[in-house]
Each structure stands twice: as C-alpha cells, then as structure tokens.
C-alpha cells in the first residue's frame, strides 16, 4: 500500500462507520477494513448509528439503505457533509437520489467486491483530504 492510500493520516488511524444489519455482511467487511489498517465502528440500526455519530467523528461511512430497524437514509442525512459516504444497496433509484443530493457520496450495488469498495473508499478519503487541505 502506498503512503497516498494508507489508512494512517497525520499520525492517526482513519475511522470508518459501518451501518449494516446483516452479520454475514457486516462482520467480514469490518474485518477486511481492520486488516487494512482502518479503525471501524459498527451499527445495525438507525438509532445505534446516530448514537455512534454523537460519540465518534468518522472519516468515512459505509451505509446500507435497507435496515431492519429504519432506513440508512436517516443516517446518511445526519453524517456531516465533509465525510465521504459509500451507500451499498440494491435500491438503485433511492441511492442515486442521495448520491445526487449529498456531496461526497457514492453507490456500490450489492453484491459488491471488497476490493472495489476499498478502492472507492480510499479514493474518496484522499479526495476529501485534498479538498480540506486546499481550503
């Protein structure tokens, strides 16, 4: 991994919020991100996600739109605009609307590749950091 794509920035590990209610998806994703050097906090509901957002300041978020307890959309609108968000969902129309309305948002449709998700995440984080450095 090159320094440009390293999860370490300014001496700290990047924090990713993962919002997914299916353990079979959430656990492998959490482990994959941790193996690549990211810190990860996970939630399986809208309420738990909002509670985590009050305590943590994630550098990025990965959010499923279809949760058993609410909609990922309710989480996405509460994430600060500076934070890149990856939406993974099978609901293309709603995902596309959020991508259009919210800056720094991308869609990855299920099923997805963990490698592709990681590439998108790193690209979005690097782009976000470049914007912050220029301002």
C-alpha atoms as a PDB file:
ATOM      1  CA  UNK A   1       0.000   0.000   0.000  1.00  0.00           C
ATOM      2  CA  UNK A   2       1.430   3.362  -0.962  1.00  0.00           C
ATOM      3  CA  UNK A   3       1.597   6.270   1.513  1.00  0.00           C
ATOM      4  CA  UNK A   4      -1.072   8.068  -0.525  1.00  0.00           C
ATOM      5  CA  UNK A   5      -3.519   5.234   0.122  1.00  0.00           C
ATOM      6  CA  UNK A   6      -2.507   4.451   3.687  1.00  0.00           C
ATOM      7  CA  UNK A   7      -5.291   4.486   6.291  1.00  0.00           C
ATOM      8  CA  UNK A   8      -2.933   6.453   8.573  1.00  0.00           C
ATOM      9  CA  UNK A   9      -3.193  10.226   8.281  1.00  0.00           C
ATOM     10  CA  UNK A  10      -1.465  12.798  10.458  1.00  0.00           C
ATOM     11  CA  UNK A  11      -0.374  10.083  12.890  1.00  0.00           C
ATOM     12  CA  UNK A  12      -3.841   8.649  13.432  1.00  0.00           C
ATOM     13  CA  UNK A  13      -5.855   5.778  12.042  1.00  0.00           C
ATOM     14  CA  UNK A  14      -8.833   6.650   9.872  1.00  0.00           C
ATOM     15  CA  UNK A  15     -12.185   5.746  11.434  1.00  0.00           C
ATOM     16  CA  UNK A  16     -14.950   4.202   9.317  1.00  0.00           C
ATOM     17  CA  UNK A  17     -18.577   3.906  10.447  1.00  0.00           C
ATOM     18  CA  UNK A  18     -20.210   0.773   9.016  1.00  0.00           C
ATOM     19  CA  UNK A  19     -24.016   0.628   9.129  1.00  0.00           C
ATOM     20  CA  UNK A  20     -25.272  -2.825   8.186  1.00  0.00           C
ATOM     21  CA  UNK A  21     -27.769  -5.084   9.924  1.00  0.00           C
ATOM     22  CA  UNK A  22     -26.743  -8.368   8.273  1.00  0.00           C
ATOM     23  CA  UNK A  23     -23.970 -10.003  10.297  1.00  0.00           C
ATOM     24  CA  UNK A  24     -22.877 -12.039   7.269  1.00  0.00           C
ATOM     25  CA  UNK A  25     -22.024  -8.765   5.507  1.00  0.00           C
ATOM     26  CA  UNK A  26     -21.024  -6.539   8.428  1.00  0.00           C
ATOM     27  CA  UNK A  27     -18.506  -8.861  10.111  1.00  0.00           C
ATOM     28  CA  UNK A  28     -16.422  -9.678   7.001  1.00  0.00           C
ATOM     29  CA  UNK A  29     -16.462  -6.000   5.988  1.00  0.00           C
ATOM     30  CA  UNK A  30     -15.341  -4.916   9.462  1.00  0.00           C
ATOM     31  CA  UNK A  31     -12.524  -7.499   9.484  1.00  0.00           C
ATOM     32  CA  UNK A  32     -11.443  -6.576   5.944  1.00  0.00           C
ATOM     33  CA  UNK A  33     -11.185  -2.874   6.822  1.00  0.00           C
ATOM     34  CA  UNK A  34      -9.353  -3.606  10.086  1.00  0.00           C
ATOM     35  CA  UNK A  35      -6.851  -5.840   8.264  1.00  0.00           C
ATOM     36  CA  UNK A  36      -6.110  -2.853   6.029  1.00  0.00           C
ATOM     37  CA  UNK A  37      -5.415  -0.599   8.996  1.00  0.00           C
ATOM     38  CA  UNK A  38      -8.734   1.209   9.467  1.00  0.00           C
ATOM     39  CA  UNK A  39     -10.467   1.628  12.810  1.00  0.00           C
ATOM     40  CA  UNK A  40     -14.107   0.565  12.499  1.00  0.00           C
ATOM     41  CA  UNK A  41     -17.260   1.199  14.498  1.00  0.00           C
ATOM     42  CA  UNK A  42     -20.377  -0.717  13.521  1.00  0.00           C
ATOM     43  CA  UNK A  43     -24.098  -0.235  13.937  1.00  0.00           C
ATOM     44  CA  UNK A  44     -27.054  -2.338  12.889  1.00  0.00           C
ATOM     45  CA  UNK A  45     -29.827   0.247  13.260  1.00  0.00           C
ATOM     46  CA  UNK A  46     -30.534   3.910  12.678  1.00  0.00           C
ATOM     47  CA  UNK A  47     -30.604   4.652  16.411  1.00  0.00           C
ATOM     48  CA  UNK A  48     -27.317   2.900  17.106  1.00  0.00           C
ATOM     49  CA  UNK A  49     -25.744   4.757  14.151  1.00  0.00           C
ATOM     50  CA  UNK A  50     -26.928   8.126  15.439  1.00  0.00           C
ATOM     51  CA  UNK A  51     -25.621   7.270  18.918  1.00  0.00           C
ATOM     52  CA  UNK A  52     -22.205   6.434  17.440  1.00  0.00           C
ATOM     53  CA  UNK A  53     -22.183   9.690  15.458  1.00  0.00           C
ATOM     54  CA  UNK A  54     -22.653  11.622  18.721  1.00  0.00           C
ATOM     55  CA  UNK A  55     -19.562   9.943  20.202  1.00  0.00           C
ATOM     56  CA  UNK A  56     -17.282   9.450  17.180  1.00  0.00           C
ATOM     57  CA  UNK A  57     -16.178  11.622  14.279  1.00  0.00           C
ATOM     58  CA  UNK A  58     -15.757   9.126  11.448  1.00  0.00           C
ATOM     59  CA  UNK A  59     -13.531   9.910   8.469  1.00  0.00           C
ATOM     60  CA  UNK A  60     -15.906   7.938   6.225  1.00  0.00           C
ATOM     61  CA  UNK A  61     -19.095   5.883   6.410  1.00  0.00           C
ATOM     62  CA  UNK A  62     -20.376   2.812   4.624  1.00  0.00           C
ATOM     63  CA  UNK A  63     -24.156   2.601   4.922  1.00  0.00           C
ATOM     64  CA  UNK A  64     -26.751   0.066   3.805  1.00  0.00           C
ATOM     65  CA  UNK A  65     -30.042   1.718   2.903  1.00  0.00           C
ATOM     66  CA  UNK A  66     -32.280  -1.220   3.822  1.00  0.00           C
ATOM     67  CA  UNK A  67     -32.064  -1.815   7.549  1.00  0.00           C
ATOM     68  CA  UNK A  68     -34.472  -3.940   9.568  1.00  0.00           C
ATOM     69  CA  UNK A  69     -34.916  -1.038  12.001  1.00  0.00           C
ATOM     70  CA  UNK A  70     -35.254   2.043   9.805  1.00  0.00           C
ATOM     71  CA  UNK A  71     -33.662   3.405   6.661  1.00  0.00           C
ATOM     72  CA  UNK A  72     -29.988   4.094   6.116  1.00  0.00           C
ATOM     73  CA  UNK A  73     -31.158   7.337   4.513  1.00  0.00           C
ATOM     74  CA  UNK A  74     -31.942   8.642   8.037  1.00  0.00           C
ATOM     75  CA  UNK A  75     -28.302   8.030   8.968  1.00  0.00           C
ATOM     76  CA  UNK A  76     -26.824   9.487   5.765  1.00  0.00           C
ATOM     77  CA  UNK A  77     -28.559  12.849   6.196  1.00  0.00           C
ATOM     78  CA  UNK A  78     -27.059  13.157   9.719  1.00  0.00           C
ATOM     79  CA  UNK A  79     -23.471  12.481   8.638  1.00  0.00           C
ATOM     80  CA  UNK A  80     -21.518  15.743   8.244  1.00  0.00           C
ATOM     81  CA  UNK A  81     -21.147  16.769   4.570  1.00  0.00           C
ATOM     82  CA  UNK A  82     -17.323  16.652   4.795  1.00  0.00           C
ATOM     83  CA  UNK A  83     -17.477  12.893   5.479  1.00  0.00           C
ATOM     84  CA  UNK A  84     -17.428  10.622   2.424  1.00  0.00           C
ATOM     85  CA  UNK A  85     -20.269   8.097   2.352  1.00  0.00           C
ATOM     86  CA  UNK A  86     -20.479   4.868   0.402  1.00  0.00           C
ATOM     87  CA  UNK A  87     -24.011   3.548   0.048  1.00  0.00           C
ATOM     88  CA  UNK A  88     -24.382  -0.115  -0.622  1.00  0.00           C
ATOM     89  CA  UNK A  89     -27.789  -1.187  -1.652  1.00  0.00           C
ATOM     90  CA  UNK A  90     -29.896  -2.939  -4.215  1.00  0.00           C
ATOM     91  CA  UNK A  91     -32.209   0.112  -4.359  1.00  0.00           C
ATOM     92  CA  UNK A  92     -30.679   1.987  -7.281  1.00  0.00           C
ATOM     93  CA  UNK A  93     -33.291   4.790  -7.548  1.00  0.00           C
ATOM     94  CA  UNK A  94     -33.119   5.931  -3.912  1.00  0.00           C
ATOM     95  CA  UNK A  95     -29.339   5.512  -3.863  1.00  0.00           C
ATOM     96  CA  UNK A  96     -28.957   7.636  -6.994  1.00  0.00           C
ATOM     97  CA  UNK A  97     -31.081  10.405  -5.487  1.00  0.00           C
ATOM     98  CA  UNK A  98     -28.892  10.504  -2.354  1.00  0.00           C
ATOM     99  CA  UNK A  99     -25.739  10.481  -4.468  1.00  0.00           C
ATOM    100  CA  UNK A 100     -27.089  13.474  -6.392  1.00  0.00           C
ATOM    101  CA  UNK A 101     -28.245  15.422  -3.302  1.00  0.00           C
ATOM    102  CA  UNK A 102     -25.347  14.818  -0.929  1.00  0.00           C
ATOM    103  CA  UNK A 103     -21.747  15.713  -1.717  1.00  0.00           C
ATOM    104  CA  UNK A 104     -19.067  13.028  -1.325  1.00  0.00           C
ATOM    105  CA  UNK A 105     -21.486  10.136  -1.781  1.00  0.00           C
ATOM    106  CA  UNK A 106     -21.022   7.068  -3.983  1.00  0.00           C
ATOM    107  CA  UNK A 107     -23.109   3.978  -4.638  1.00  0.00           C
ATOM    108  CA  UNK A 108     -21.884   0.424  -4.688  1.00  0.00           C
ATOM    109  CA  UNK A 109     -24.584  -2.042  -5.617  1.00  0.00           C
ATOM    110  CA  UNK A 110     -24.936  -5.380  -3.885  1.00  0.00           C
ATOM    111  CA  UNK A 111     -23.378  -7.837  -4.403  1.00  0.00           C
ATOM    112  CA  UNK A 112     -20.081  -5.979  -4.287  1.00  0.00           C
ATOM    113  CA  UNK A 113     -16.374  -6.697  -4.219  1.00  0.00           C
ATOM    114  CA  UNK A 114     -14.494  -5.810  -1.032  1.00  0.00           C
ATOM    115  CA  UNK A 115     -11.519  -4.772  -3.148  1.00  0.00           C
ATOM    116  CA  UNK A 116     -13.674  -2.410  -5.224  1.00  0.00           C
ATOM    117  CA  UNK A 117     -15.215  -0.977  -2.059  1.00  0.00           C
ATOM    118  CA  UNK A 118     -11.750  -0.387  -0.562  1.00  0.00           C
ATOM    119  CA  UNK A 119     -10.534   1.347  -3.741  1.00  0.00           C
ATOM    120  CA  UNK A 120     -13.587   3.620  -3.743  1.00  0.00           C
ATOM    121  CA  UNK A 121     -13.186   4.361  -0.024  1.00  0.00           C
ATOM    122  CA  UNK A 122      -9.507   5.275  -0.354  1.00  0.00           C
ATOM    123  CA  UNK A 123     -10.178   7.436  -3.418  1.00  0.00           C
ATOM    124  CA  UNK A 124     -12.956   9.317  -1.620  1.00  0.00           C
ATOM    125  CA  UNK A 125     -10.860   9.805   1.527  1.00  0.00           C
ATOM    126  CA  UNK A 126      -7.898  11.106  -0.475  1.00  0.00           C
ATOM    127  CA  UNK A 127     -10.143  13.469  -2.440  1.00  0.00           C
ATOM    128  CA  UNK A 128     -11.780  14.720   0.766  1.00  0.00           C
ATOM    129  CA  UNK A 129      -8.402  15.354   2.393  1.00  0.00           C
ATOM    130  CA  UNK A 130      -7.168  17.239  -0.677  1.00  0.00           C
ATOM    131  CA  UNK A 131     -10.243  19.499  -0.565  1.00  0.00           C
ATOM    132  CA  UNK A 132      -9.720  20.174   3.151  1.00  0.00           C
ATOM    133  CA  UNK A 133      -6.014  20.912   2.623  1.00  0.00           C
ATOM    134  CA  UNK A 134      -6.824  23.438  -0.123  1.00  0.00           C
ATOM    135  CA  UNK A 135      -9.361  25.352   1.983  1.00  0.00           C
END
